[in-house]
Amino acid sequence: MNENEQYVLQCIKNWVWSGFYTSELVHEMLEDVLDDECDEELLRDLIDPEFEKKAEAEATWPATTDYDRLNQVFDVLHEKGICALHNAGYTMSDGFSDVSEAIAAAPPGEYQAFCFYHGQDVERAIAGHGLMLAFGSLDTTEANSLAAARVIVDDLREAGFKVVWDGTVNTRISLPELDWKKRQESR
């Protein structure tokens, strides 16, 4: 397998193990990373077996995973007026864009702050490096952003997560021990 094919294979594994994409979506997303040096048939043939490996692994996972607990925290944050998004784009810029869209689609005044993680964060979490969360307030004042971050940190700690954050707006909130296990919702 050449270097380009190894890169595409890693993309496939990340997409499958993220738990956010169906087999059909992974096949579609493959178009964005394939190049002329890749054996497309070989790579496409690796998608469904990777989903099968993940399904076997899921059978051994605890009833409630770290992702499940994180999802519960995000639900609570929404109730508190913090727009909390999973897998918001692939980069920080994408995440801010997704947050803007979600807030624009919500009833006026529903949200005062936000938090999210993006696709690169998911890849690091899958690799065992924990998860980073971005945060901020809609009015962009430092005091309100810090207040939102404290709510997020408190709720994460209450849910049993180890949280690392230096207390500033310049550093994202880290969940260094988060074990990424998101069950596949559909294939």
N, C-alpha and C. Protein backbone atom coordinates (compact mmCIF):
# COMPACT_ATOMS: atom_id res chain seq x y z
N MET A 1 0.86 -1.18 0.00
CA MET A 1 0.00 0.00 0.00
C MET A 1 0.90 1.24 0.00
N ASN A 2 0.68 2.15 -0.95
CA ASN A 2 1.52 3.34 -1.02
C ASN A 2 1.11 4.37 0.06
N GLU A 3 1.88 5.43 0.15
CA GLU A 3 1.66 6.43 1.20
C GLU A 3 0.28 7.08 1.09
N ASN A 4 -0.15 7.38 -0.11
CA ASN A 4 -1.48 7.99 -0.31
C ASN A 4 -2.59 7.04 0.13
N GLU A 5 -2.44 5.77 -0.21
CA GLU A 5 -3.45 4.78 0.18
C GLU A 5 -3.47 4.60 1.70
N GLN A 6 -2.31 4.64 2.33
CA GLN A 6 -2.26 4.55 3.79
C GLN A 6 -2.99 5.74 4.43
N TYR A 7 -2.81 6.92 3.85
CA TYR A 7 -3.52 8.11 4.35
C TYR A 7 -5.03 7.92 4.22
N VAL A 8 -5.48 7.45 3.06
CA VAL A 8 -6.91 7.25 2.83
C VAL A 8 -7.45 6.18 3.77
N LEU A 9 -6.68 5.12 3.97
CA LEU A 9 -7.11 4.07 4.91
C LEU A 9 -7.28 4.64 6.31
N GLN A 10 -6.36 5.51 6.73
CA GLN A 10 -6.49 6.13 8.05
C GLN A 10 -7.74 7.01 8.12
N CYS A 11 -8.05 7.70 7.04
CA CYS A 11 -9.28 8.49 6.98
C CYS A 11 -10.50 7.59 7.16
N ILE A 12 -10.51 6.47 6.45
CA ILE A 12 -11.62 5.51 6.57
C ILE A 12 -11.77 5.06 8.01
N LYS A 13 -10.66 4.66 8.63
CA LYS A 13 -10.72 4.19 10.02
C LYS A 13 -11.25 5.28 10.95
N ASN A 14 -10.76 6.50 10.78
CA ASN A 14 -11.24 7.60 11.62
C ASN A 14 -12.73 7.84 11.43
N TRP A 15 -13.19 7.83 10.19
CA TRP A 15 -14.61 8.06 9.93
C TRP A 15 -15.46 6.95 10.55
N VAL A 16 -15.04 5.72 10.39
CA VAL A 16 -15.80 4.59 10.93
C VAL A 16 -15.82 4.65 12.45
N TRP A 17 -14.65 4.79 13.06
CA TRP A 17 -14.55 4.72 14.52
C TRP A 17 -15.07 5.98 15.20
N SER A 18 -15.28 7.06 14.44
CA SER A 18 -15.87 8.26 15.03
C SER A 18 -17.30 7.97 15.47
N GLY A 19 -17.98 7.09 14.73
CA GLY A 19 -19.38 6.78 15.05
C GLY A 19 -20.37 7.75 14.44
N PHE A 20 -19.90 8.74 13.70
CA PHE A 20 -20.79 9.77 13.16
C PHE A 20 -21.27 9.48 11.74
N TYR A 21 -20.66 8.51 11.06
CA TYR A 21 -20.94 8.33 9.63
C TYR A 21 -21.39 6.91 9.33
N THR A 22 -22.31 6.80 8.38
CA THR A 22 -22.76 5.50 7.88
C THR A 22 -21.78 5.02 6.80
N SER A 23 -21.90 3.77 6.42
CA SER A 23 -21.07 3.23 5.34
C SER A 23 -21.29 4.04 4.07
N GLU A 24 -22.51 4.37 3.78
CA GLU A 24 -22.82 5.15 2.57
C GLU A 24 -22.10 6.50 2.60
N LEU A 25 -22.11 7.16 3.74
CA LEU A 25 -21.43 8.46 3.85
C LEU A 25 -19.92 8.31 3.71
N VAL A 26 -19.37 7.26 4.29
CA VAL A 26 -17.92 7.04 4.17
C VAL A 26 -17.55 6.83 2.70
N HIS A 27 -18.38 6.08 1.98
CA HIS A 27 -18.13 5.89 0.55
C HIS A 27 -18.16 7.24 -0.18
N GLU A 28 -19.11 8.10 0.18
CA GLU A 28 -19.18 9.43 -0.44
C GLU A 28 -17.98 10.28 -0.07
N MET A 29 -17.60 10.27 1.19
CA MET A 29 -16.50 11.10 1.68
C MET A 29 -15.17 10.68 1.06
N LEU A 30 -15.09 9.42 0.69
CA LEU A 30 -13.86 8.90 0.09
C LEU A 30 -13.47 9.70 -1.16
N GLU A 31 -14.47 10.19 -1.88
CA GLU A 31 -14.21 10.96 -3.10
C GLU A 31 -13.31 12.16 -2.82
N ASP A 32 -13.42 12.73 -1.62
CA ASP A 32 -12.66 13.93 -1.28
C ASP A 32 -11.18 13.66 -1.01
N VAL A 33 -10.82 12.40 -0.74
CA VAL A 33 -9.43 12.11 -0.37
C VAL A 33 -8.70 11.20 -1.35
N LEU A 34 -9.43 10.61 -2.27
CA LEU A 34 -8.79 9.74 -3.26
C LEU A 34 -7.99 10.56 -4.27
N ASP A 35 -6.89 9.98 -4.74
CA ASP A 35 -6.17 10.59 -5.85
C ASP A 35 -5.80 9.51 -6.86
N ASP A 36 -5.15 9.90 -7.93
CA ASP A 36 -4.84 8.97 -9.03
C ASP A 36 -3.93 7.82 -8.62
N GLU A 37 -3.17 8.00 -7.54
CA GLU A 37 -2.24 6.96 -7.11
C GLU A 37 -2.90 5.93 -6.19
N CYS A 38 -4.18 6.08 -5.95
CA CYS A 38 -4.89 5.18 -5.03
C CYS A 38 -5.65 4.10 -5.79
N ASP A 39 -5.65 2.90 -5.21
CA ASP A 39 -6.45 1.80 -5.74
C ASP A 39 -7.84 1.95 -5.10
N GLU A 40 -8.73 2.61 -5.81
CA GLU A 40 -10.05 2.93 -5.26
C GLU A 40 -10.83 1.68 -4.87
N GLU A 41 -10.80 0.66 -5.70
CA GLU A 41 -11.55 -0.57 -5.40
C GLU A 41 -11.05 -1.21 -4.11
N LEU A 42 -9.74 -1.30 -3.96
CA LEU A 42 -9.15 -1.88 -2.75
C LEU A 42 -9.61 -1.10 -1.52
N LEU A 43 -9.55 0.21 -1.59
CA LEU A 43 -9.92 1.04 -0.44
C LEU A 43 -11.41 0.95 -0.13
N ARG A 44 -12.23 0.97 -1.15
CA ARG A 44 -13.68 0.84 -0.92
C ARG A 44 -14.01 -0.52 -0.29
N ASP A 45 -13.27 -1.55 -0.68
CA ASP A 45 -13.50 -2.89 -0.13
C ASP A 45 -13.12 -2.98 1.35
N LEU A 46 -12.39 -2.01 1.87
CA LEU A 46 -11.99 -2.02 3.28
C LEU A 46 -13.00 -1.33 4.21
N ILE A 47 -13.96 -0.62 3.63
CA ILE A 47 -14.90 0.16 4.45
C ILE A 47 -15.82 -0.74 5.28
N ASP A 48 -16.56 -1.63 4.65
CA ASP A 48 -17.52 -2.45 5.40
C ASP A 48 -16.84 -3.37 6.42
N PRO A 49 -15.68 -3.98 6.11
CA PRO A 49 -15.00 -4.78 7.14
C PRO A 49 -14.60 -3.93 8.36
N GLU A 50 -14.28 -2.66 8.13
CA GLU A 50 -13.94 -1.80 9.27
C GLU A 50 -15.18 -1.54 10.13
N PHE A 51 -16.32 -1.36 9.50
CA PHE A 51 -17.57 -1.22 10.26
C PHE A 51 -17.87 -2.50 11.04
N GLU A 52 -17.56 -3.66 10.45
CA GLU A 52 -17.78 -4.93 11.14
C GLU A 52 -16.87 -5.05 12.36
N LYS A 53 -15.61 -4.63 12.23
CA LYS A 53 -14.68 -4.63 13.38
C LYS A 53 -15.22 -3.75 14.50
N LYS A 54 -15.73 -2.60 14.11
CA LYS A 54 -16.26 -1.67 15.12
C LYS A 54 -17.49 -2.27 15.81
N ALA A 55 -18.36 -2.90 15.05
CA ALA A 55 -19.56 -3.52 15.63
C ALA A 55 -19.16 -4.60 16.64
N GLU A 56 -18.14 -5.39 16.32
CA GLU A 56 -17.66 -6.41 17.25
C GLU A 56 -17.11 -5.76 18.52
N ALA A 57 -16.37 -4.68 18.36
CA ALA A 57 -15.80 -3.98 19.52
C ALA A 57 -16.91 -3.38 20.39
N GLU A 58 -17.93 -2.82 19.74
CA GLU A 58 -19.02 -2.20 20.49
C GLU A 58 -19.69 -3.19 21.44
N ALA A 59 -19.74 -4.45 21.06
CA ALA A 59 -20.37 -5.46 21.90
C ALA A 59 -19.63 -5.63 23.23
N THR A 60 -18.38 -5.20 23.28
CA THR A 60 -17.59 -5.33 24.51
C THR A 60 -17.54 -4.04 25.32
N TRP A 61 -18.11 -2.97 24.80
CA TRP A 61 -18.05 -1.68 25.48
C TRP A 61 -19.00 -1.64 26.67
N PRO A 62 -18.71 -0.80 27.65
CA PRO A 62 -19.63 -0.66 28.79
C PRO A 62 -20.97 -0.09 28.32
N ALA A 63 -22.00 -0.28 29.12
CA ALA A 63 -23.34 0.20 28.77
C ALA A 63 -23.34 1.71 28.54
N THR A 64 -22.58 2.44 29.36
CA THR A 64 -22.46 3.89 29.21
C THR A 64 -21.00 4.22 28.95
N THR A 65 -20.72 4.80 27.81
CA THR A 65 -19.35 5.16 27.45
C THR A 65 -19.08 6.62 27.79
N ASP A 66 -17.82 7.02 27.67
CA ASP A 66 -17.48 8.43 27.87
C ASP A 66 -18.25 9.32 26.90
N TYR A 67 -18.41 8.86 25.66
CA TYR A 67 -19.18 9.65 24.70
C TYR A 67 -20.61 9.83 25.19
N ASP A 68 -21.22 8.77 25.72
CA ASP A 68 -22.59 8.87 26.23
C ASP A 68 -22.68 9.91 27.34
N ARG A 69 -21.69 9.89 28.23
CA ARG A 69 -21.69 10.88 29.32
C ARG A 69 -21.48 12.29 28.78
N LEU A 70 -20.61 12.43 27.78
CA LEU A 70 -20.39 13.74 27.16
C LEU A 70 -21.67 14.23 26.49
N ASN A 71 -22.36 13.35 25.82
CA ASN A 71 -23.62 13.71 25.17
C ASN A 71 -24.64 14.18 26.21
N GLN A 72 -24.68 13.52 27.35
CA GLN A 72 -25.59 13.95 28.43
C GLN A 72 -25.21 15.34 28.93
N VAL A 73 -23.92 15.61 29.07
CA VAL A 73 -23.47 16.95 29.48
C VAL A 73 -23.89 17.97 28.43
N PHE A 74 -23.71 17.65 27.16
CA PHE A 74 -24.09 18.59 26.10
C PHE A 74 -25.59 18.88 26.15
N ASP A 75 -26.41 17.86 26.45
CA ASP A 75 -27.86 18.08 26.59
C ASP A 75 -28.15 19.07 27.72
N VAL A 76 -27.46 18.91 28.85
CA VAL A 76 -27.63 19.82 29.99
C VAL A 76 -27.18 21.23 29.61
N LEU A 77 -26.07 21.33 28.90
CA LEU A 77 -25.57 22.65 28.49
C LEU A 77 -26.58 23.36 27.60
N HIS A 78 -27.21 22.63 26.69
CA HIS A 78 -28.25 23.24 25.85
C HIS A 78 -29.35 23.83 26.72
N GLU A 79 -29.76 23.09 27.75
CA GLU A 79 -30.81 23.57 28.65
C GLU A 79 -30.38 24.83 29.39
N LYS A 80 -29.07 25.01 29.56
CA LYS A 80 -28.54 26.18 30.27
C LYS A 80 -28.21 27.34 29.33
N GLY A 81 -28.59 27.21 28.04
CA GLY A 81 -28.34 28.28 27.09
C GLY A 81 -26.96 28.27 26.46
N ILE A 82 -26.30 27.11 26.50
CA ILE A 82 -24.99 26.95 25.85
C ILE A 82 -25.16 25.99 24.68
N CYS A 83 -24.95 26.50 23.48
CA CYS A 83 -25.07 25.69 22.27
C CYS A 83 -23.86 24.75 22.23
N ALA A 84 -24.08 23.46 22.46
CA ALA A 84 -23.00 22.48 22.53
C ALA A 84 -23.10 21.54 21.33
N LEU A 85 -22.07 21.57 20.48
CA LEU A 85 -22.11 20.80 19.24
C LEU A 85 -21.03 19.72 19.20
N HIS A 86 -21.44 18.54 18.77
CA HIS A 86 -20.53 17.43 18.52
C HIS A 86 -20.02 17.52 17.09
N ASN A 87 -18.75 17.18 16.88
CA ASN A 87 -18.19 17.00 15.54
C ASN A 87 -18.54 18.18 14.62
N ALA A 88 -18.29 19.38 15.11
CA ALA A 88 -18.65 20.60 14.38
C ALA A 88 -17.60 20.91 13.32
N GLY A 89 -17.82 20.42 12.11
CA GLY A 89 -16.87 20.62 11.03
C GLY A 89 -15.59 19.86 11.26
N TYR A 90 -14.53 20.29 10.56
CA TYR A 90 -13.26 19.58 10.68
C TYR A 90 -12.19 20.41 11.37
N THR A 91 -12.36 21.73 11.37
CA THR A 91 -11.38 22.65 11.96
C THR A 91 -12.07 23.61 12.91
N MET A 92 -11.26 24.42 13.60
CA MET A 92 -11.84 25.44 14.48
C MET A 92 -12.74 26.38 13.68
N SER A 93 -12.27 26.80 12.54
CA SER A 93 -13.05 27.71 11.70
C SER A 93 -14.39 27.09 11.32
N ASP A 94 -14.36 25.81 10.93
CA ASP A 94 -15.60 25.10 10.62
C ASP A 94 -16.51 25.06 11.84
N GLY A 95 -15.93 24.82 13.01
CA GLY A 95 -16.71 24.74 14.23
C GLY A 95 -17.42 26.04 14.53
N PHE A 96 -16.71 27.15 14.40
CA PHE A 96 -17.34 28.45 14.64
C PHE A 96 -18.47 28.69 13.64
N SER A 97 -18.27 28.26 12.41
CA SER A 97 -19.30 28.40 11.38
C SER A 97 -20.53 27.56 11.73
N ASP A 98 -20.30 26.30 12.16
CA ASP A 98 -21.42 25.42 12.54
C ASP A 98 -22.17 25.99 13.74
N VAL A 99 -21.44 26.55 14.70
CA VAL A 99 -22.09 27.17 15.86
C VAL A 99 -22.96 28.34 15.41
N SER A 100 -22.42 29.17 14.53
CA SER A 100 -23.19 30.33 14.03
C SER A 100 -24.48 29.88 13.36
N GLU A 101 -24.39 28.82 12.56
CA GLU A 101 -25.58 28.30 11.88
C GLU A 101 -26.60 27.75 12.88
N ALA A 102 -26.12 27.01 13.88
CA ALA A 102 -27.03 26.42 14.88
C ALA A 102 -27.72 27.52 15.68
N ILE A 103 -26.98 28.55 16.03
CA ILE A 103 -27.56 29.64 16.82
C ILE A 103 -28.55 30.43 15.97
N ALA A 104 -28.22 30.65 14.70
CA ALA A 104 -29.13 31.37 13.81
C ALA A 104 -30.44 30.61 13.61
N ALA A 105 -30.37 29.28 13.64
CA ALA A 105 -31.55 28.45 13.45
C ALA A 105 -32.40 28.31 14.72
N ALA A 106 -31.83 28.66 15.86
CA ALA A 106 -32.54 28.54 17.15
C ALA A 106 -33.42 29.77 17.39
N PRO A 107 -34.42 29.63 18.26
CA PRO A 107 -35.22 30.80 18.61
C PRO A 107 -34.34 31.91 19.21
N PRO A 108 -34.66 33.16 18.92
CA PRO A 108 -33.86 34.27 19.45
C PRO A 108 -33.72 34.19 20.98
N GLY A 109 -32.50 34.40 21.45
CA GLY A 109 -32.25 34.41 22.89
C GLY A 109 -32.07 33.05 23.53
N GLU A 110 -32.19 31.96 22.74
CA GLU A 110 -32.06 30.63 23.33
C GLU A 110 -30.65 30.38 23.86
N TYR A 111 -29.65 30.89 23.16
CA TYR A 111 -28.27 30.64 23.55
C TYR A 111 -27.54 31.94 23.90
N GLN A 112 -26.70 31.84 24.93
CA GLN A 112 -25.83 32.95 25.30
C GLN A 112 -24.36 32.60 25.09
N ALA A 113 -24.09 31.32 24.92
CA ALA A 113 -22.70 30.85 24.81
C ALA A 113 -22.67 29.58 23.97
N PHE A 114 -21.47 29.06 23.77
CA PHE A 114 -21.33 27.85 22.94
C PHE A 114 -20.13 27.04 23.41
N CYS A 115 -20.13 25.78 22.99
CA CYS A 115 -18.95 24.92 23.10
C CYS A 115 -19.06 23.87 22.00
N PHE A 116 -17.90 23.41 21.54
CA PHE A 116 -17.90 22.42 20.48
C PHE A 116 -16.53 21.75 20.41
N TYR A 117 -16.51 20.64 19.68
CA TYR A 117 -15.25 20.04 19.23
C TYR A 117 -15.43 19.71 17.76
N HIS A 118 -14.33 19.62 17.04
CA HIS A 118 -14.41 19.41 15.59
C HIS A 118 -13.78 18.08 15.20
N GLY A 119 -13.78 17.80 13.89
CA GLY A 119 -13.31 16.52 13.37
C GLY A 119 -11.87 16.19 13.70
N GLN A 120 -10.98 17.19 13.69
CA GLN A 120 -9.59 16.92 14.06
C GLN A 120 -9.51 16.52 15.53
N ASP A 121 -10.36 17.12 16.36
CA ASP A 121 -10.41 16.73 17.78
C ASP A 121 -10.85 15.27 17.91
N VAL A 122 -11.83 14.88 17.11
CA VAL A 122 -12.30 13.49 17.14
C VAL A 122 -11.17 12.54 16.76
N GLU A 123 -10.41 12.90 15.72
CA GLU A 123 -9.29 12.04 15.31
C GLU A 123 -8.28 11.87 16.43
N ARG A 124 -7.99 12.95 17.14
CA ARG A 124 -7.05 12.85 18.28
C ARG A 124 -7.65 11.99 19.39
N ALA A 125 -8.94 12.13 19.62
CA ALA A 125 -9.59 11.32 20.66
C ALA A 125 -9.56 9.84 20.29
N ILE A 126 -9.83 9.52 19.04
CA ILE A 126 -9.77 8.13 18.57
C ILE A 126 -8.38 7.56 18.79
N ALA A 127 -7.37 8.40 18.58
CA ALA A 127 -5.97 7.97 18.74
C ALA A 127 -5.54 7.89 20.20
N GLY A 128 -6.47 8.23 21.13
CA GLY A 128 -6.17 8.11 22.55
C GLY A 128 -5.58 9.34 23.20
N HIS A 129 -5.76 10.50 22.58
CA HIS A 129 -5.18 11.74 23.10
C HIS A 129 -6.21 12.67 23.75
N GLY A 130 -7.34 12.13 24.18
CA GLY A 130 -8.35 12.95 24.83
C GLY A 130 -9.09 13.83 23.84
N LEU A 131 -9.89 14.74 24.38
CA LEU A 131 -10.73 15.60 23.55
C LEU A 131 -10.60 17.04 24.03
N MET A 132 -10.54 17.95 23.06
CA MET A 132 -10.47 19.38 23.36
C MET A 132 -11.81 20.02 23.01
N LEU A 133 -12.26 20.96 23.86
CA LEU A 133 -13.51 21.66 23.63
C LEU A 133 -13.26 23.16 23.51
N ALA A 134 -13.79 23.75 22.46
CA ALA A 134 -13.75 25.20 22.30
C ALA A 134 -14.98 25.78 23.00
N PHE A 135 -14.89 27.03 23.40
CA PHE A 135 -16.00 27.67 24.10
C PHE A 135 -15.96 29.17 23.86
N GLY A 136 -17.06 29.83 24.21
CA GLY A 136 -17.11 31.28 24.14
C GLY A 136 -18.51 31.78 24.42
N SER A 137 -18.64 33.09 24.55
CA SER A 137 -19.96 33.69 24.72
C SER A 137 -20.34 34.39 23.43
N LEU A 138 -21.63 34.54 23.20
CA LEU A 138 -22.08 35.16 21.96
C LEU A 138 -21.73 36.65 21.91
N ASP A 139 -21.65 37.28 23.10
CA ASP A 139 -21.29 38.70 23.09
C ASP A 139 -19.78 38.91 23.07
N THR A 140 -19.05 37.83 23.06
CA THR A 140 -17.58 37.78 22.96
C THR A 140 -16.82 38.51 24.06
N THR A 141 -17.50 38.86 25.16
CA THR A 141 -16.76 39.46 26.26
C THR A 141 -16.00 38.37 27.00
N GLU A 142 -14.82 38.71 27.46
CA GLU A 142 -13.99 37.73 28.16
C GLU A 142 -14.69 37.23 29.42
N ALA A 143 -15.31 38.13 30.17
CA ALA A 143 -15.96 37.72 31.43
C ALA A 143 -17.07 36.71 31.16
N ASN A 144 -17.88 36.94 30.14
CA ASN A 144 -18.97 36.01 29.84
C ASN A 144 -18.46 34.70 29.25
N SER A 145 -17.39 34.77 28.47
CA SER A 145 -16.79 33.54 27.95
C SER A 145 -16.24 32.69 29.09
N LEU A 146 -15.58 33.35 30.05
CA LEU A 146 -15.04 32.62 31.20
C LEU A 146 -16.17 32.04 32.06
N ALA A 147 -17.26 32.78 32.21
CA ALA A 147 -18.40 32.28 32.98
C ALA A 147 -18.98 31.03 32.30
N ALA A 148 -19.10 31.06 30.97
CA ALA A 148 -19.60 29.90 30.23
C ALA A 148 -18.65 28.72 30.41
N ALA A 149 -17.36 28.98 30.31
CA ALA A 149 -16.37 27.91 30.46
C ALA A 149 -16.46 27.28 31.84
N ARG A 150 -16.67 28.08 32.86
CA ARG A 150 -16.77 27.52 34.23
C ARG A 150 -18.00 26.61 34.35
N VAL A 151 -19.11 26.99 33.72
CA VAL A 151 -20.30 26.14 33.73
C VAL A 151 -19.99 24.82 33.02
N ILE A 152 -19.34 24.90 31.87
CA ILE A 152 -18.99 23.71 31.09
C ILE A 152 -18.06 22.81 31.92
N VAL A 153 -17.02 23.39 32.50
CA VAL A 153 -16.06 22.62 33.30
C VAL A 153 -16.76 21.97 34.49
N ASP A 154 -17.60 22.72 35.19
CA ASP A 154 -18.31 22.16 36.35
C ASP A 154 -19.19 20.99 35.95
N ASP A 155 -19.93 21.14 34.85
CA ASP A 155 -20.82 20.05 34.41
C ASP A 155 -20.02 18.83 33.97
N LEU A 156 -18.89 19.05 33.32
CA LEU A 156 -18.04 17.92 32.91
C LEU A 156 -17.49 17.19 34.14
N ARG A 157 -17.04 17.94 35.11
CA ARG A 157 -16.51 17.31 36.33
C ARG A 157 -17.61 16.57 37.08
N GLU A 158 -18.80 17.17 37.12
CA GLU A 158 -19.92 16.51 37.78
C GLU A 158 -20.26 15.19 37.10
N ALA A 159 -20.02 15.10 35.80
CA ALA A 159 -20.28 13.87 35.04
C ALA A 159 -19.14 12.87 35.18
N GLY A 160 -18.09 13.22 35.93
CA GLY A 160 -17.01 12.30 36.21
C GLY A 160 -15.79 12.42 35.32
N PHE A 161 -15.74 13.45 34.49
CA PHE A 161 -14.58 13.63 33.62
C PHE A 161 -13.43 14.32 34.35
N LYS A 162 -12.21 13.90 34.02
CA LYS A 162 -11.04 14.65 34.42
C LYS A 162 -10.95 15.82 33.45
N VAL A 163 -10.90 17.04 33.99
CA VAL A 163 -10.89 18.24 33.15
C VAL A 163 -9.62 19.02 33.43
N VAL A 164 -8.96 19.45 32.36
CA VAL A 164 -7.78 20.30 32.47
C VAL A 164 -8.07 21.59 31.71
N TRP A 165 -7.94 22.71 32.41
CA TRP A 165 -8.17 24.01 31.79
C TRP A 165 -7.43 25.04 32.63
N ASP A 166 -6.76 25.97 32.00
CA ASP A 166 -5.98 26.95 32.74
C ASP A 166 -6.77 28.17 33.19
N GLY A 167 -8.06 28.20 32.92
CA GLY A 167 -8.91 29.29 33.39
C GLY A 167 -8.88 30.53 32.52
N THR A 168 -8.30 30.41 31.31
CA THR A 168 -8.25 31.58 30.43
C THR A 168 -9.06 31.33 29.15
N VAL A 169 -9.36 32.42 28.45
CA VAL A 169 -10.08 32.29 27.18
C VAL A 169 -9.15 31.83 26.06
N ASN A 170 -7.86 31.83 26.31
CA ASN A 170 -6.88 31.48 25.28
C ASN A 170 -6.63 29.98 25.16
N THR A 171 -7.17 29.20 26.08
CA THR A 171 -6.92 27.76 26.09
C THR A 171 -8.24 27.00 26.09
N ARG A 172 -8.31 26.00 25.23
CA ARG A 172 -9.52 25.18 25.20
C ARG A 172 -9.56 24.25 26.42
N ILE A 173 -10.73 23.77 26.70
CA ILE A 173 -10.95 22.83 27.80
C ILE A 173 -10.54 21.44 27.31
N SER A 174 -9.75 20.75 28.12
CA SER A 174 -9.25 19.43 27.74
C SER A 174 -9.86 18.33 28.61
N LEU A 175 -10.23 17.25 27.96
CA LEU A 175 -10.65 16.02 28.63
C LEU A 175 -9.59 14.98 28.28
N PRO A 176 -8.44 15.00 29.00
CA PRO A 176 -7.28 14.21 28.59
C PRO A 176 -7.47 12.70 28.67
N GLU A 177 -8.41 12.25 29.47
CA GLU A 177 -8.58 10.81 29.65
C GLU A 177 -9.84 10.26 28.98
N LEU A 178 -10.51 11.09 28.18
CA LEU A 178 -11.72 10.63 27.51
C LEU A 178 -11.37 9.46 26.59
N ASP A 179 -12.10 8.38 26.74
CA ASP A 179 -11.92 7.18 25.93
C ASP A 179 -13.00 7.19 24.85
N TRP A 180 -12.60 7.49 23.62
CA TRP A 180 -13.59 7.67 22.55
C TRP A 180 -14.24 6.34 22.17
N LYS A 181 -15.51 6.23 22.51
CA LYS A 181 -16.31 5.07 22.14
C LYS A 181 -17.72 5.57 21.84
N LYS A 182 -17.96 5.92 20.58
CA LYS A 182 -19.30 6.34 20.16
C LYS A 182 -19.90 5.23 19.33
N ARG A 183 -21.03 4.74 19.81
CA ARG A 183 -21.71 3.66 19.10
C ARG A 183 -22.25 4.15 17.77
N GLN A 184 -22.27 3.25 16.81
CA GLN A 184 -22.81 3.55 15.49
C GLN A 184 -24.32 3.62 15.61
N GLU A 185 -24.91 4.71 15.17
CA GLU A 185 -26.37 4.86 15.25
C GLU A 185 -27.07 4.09 14.14
N SER A 186 -26.45 4.07 12.98
CA SER A 186 -27.00 3.29 11.86
C SER A 186 -25.86 2.96 10.91
N ARG A 187 -26.05 1.98 10.10
CA ARG A 187 -24.99 1.57 9.18
C ARG A 187 -25.37 2.07 7.82
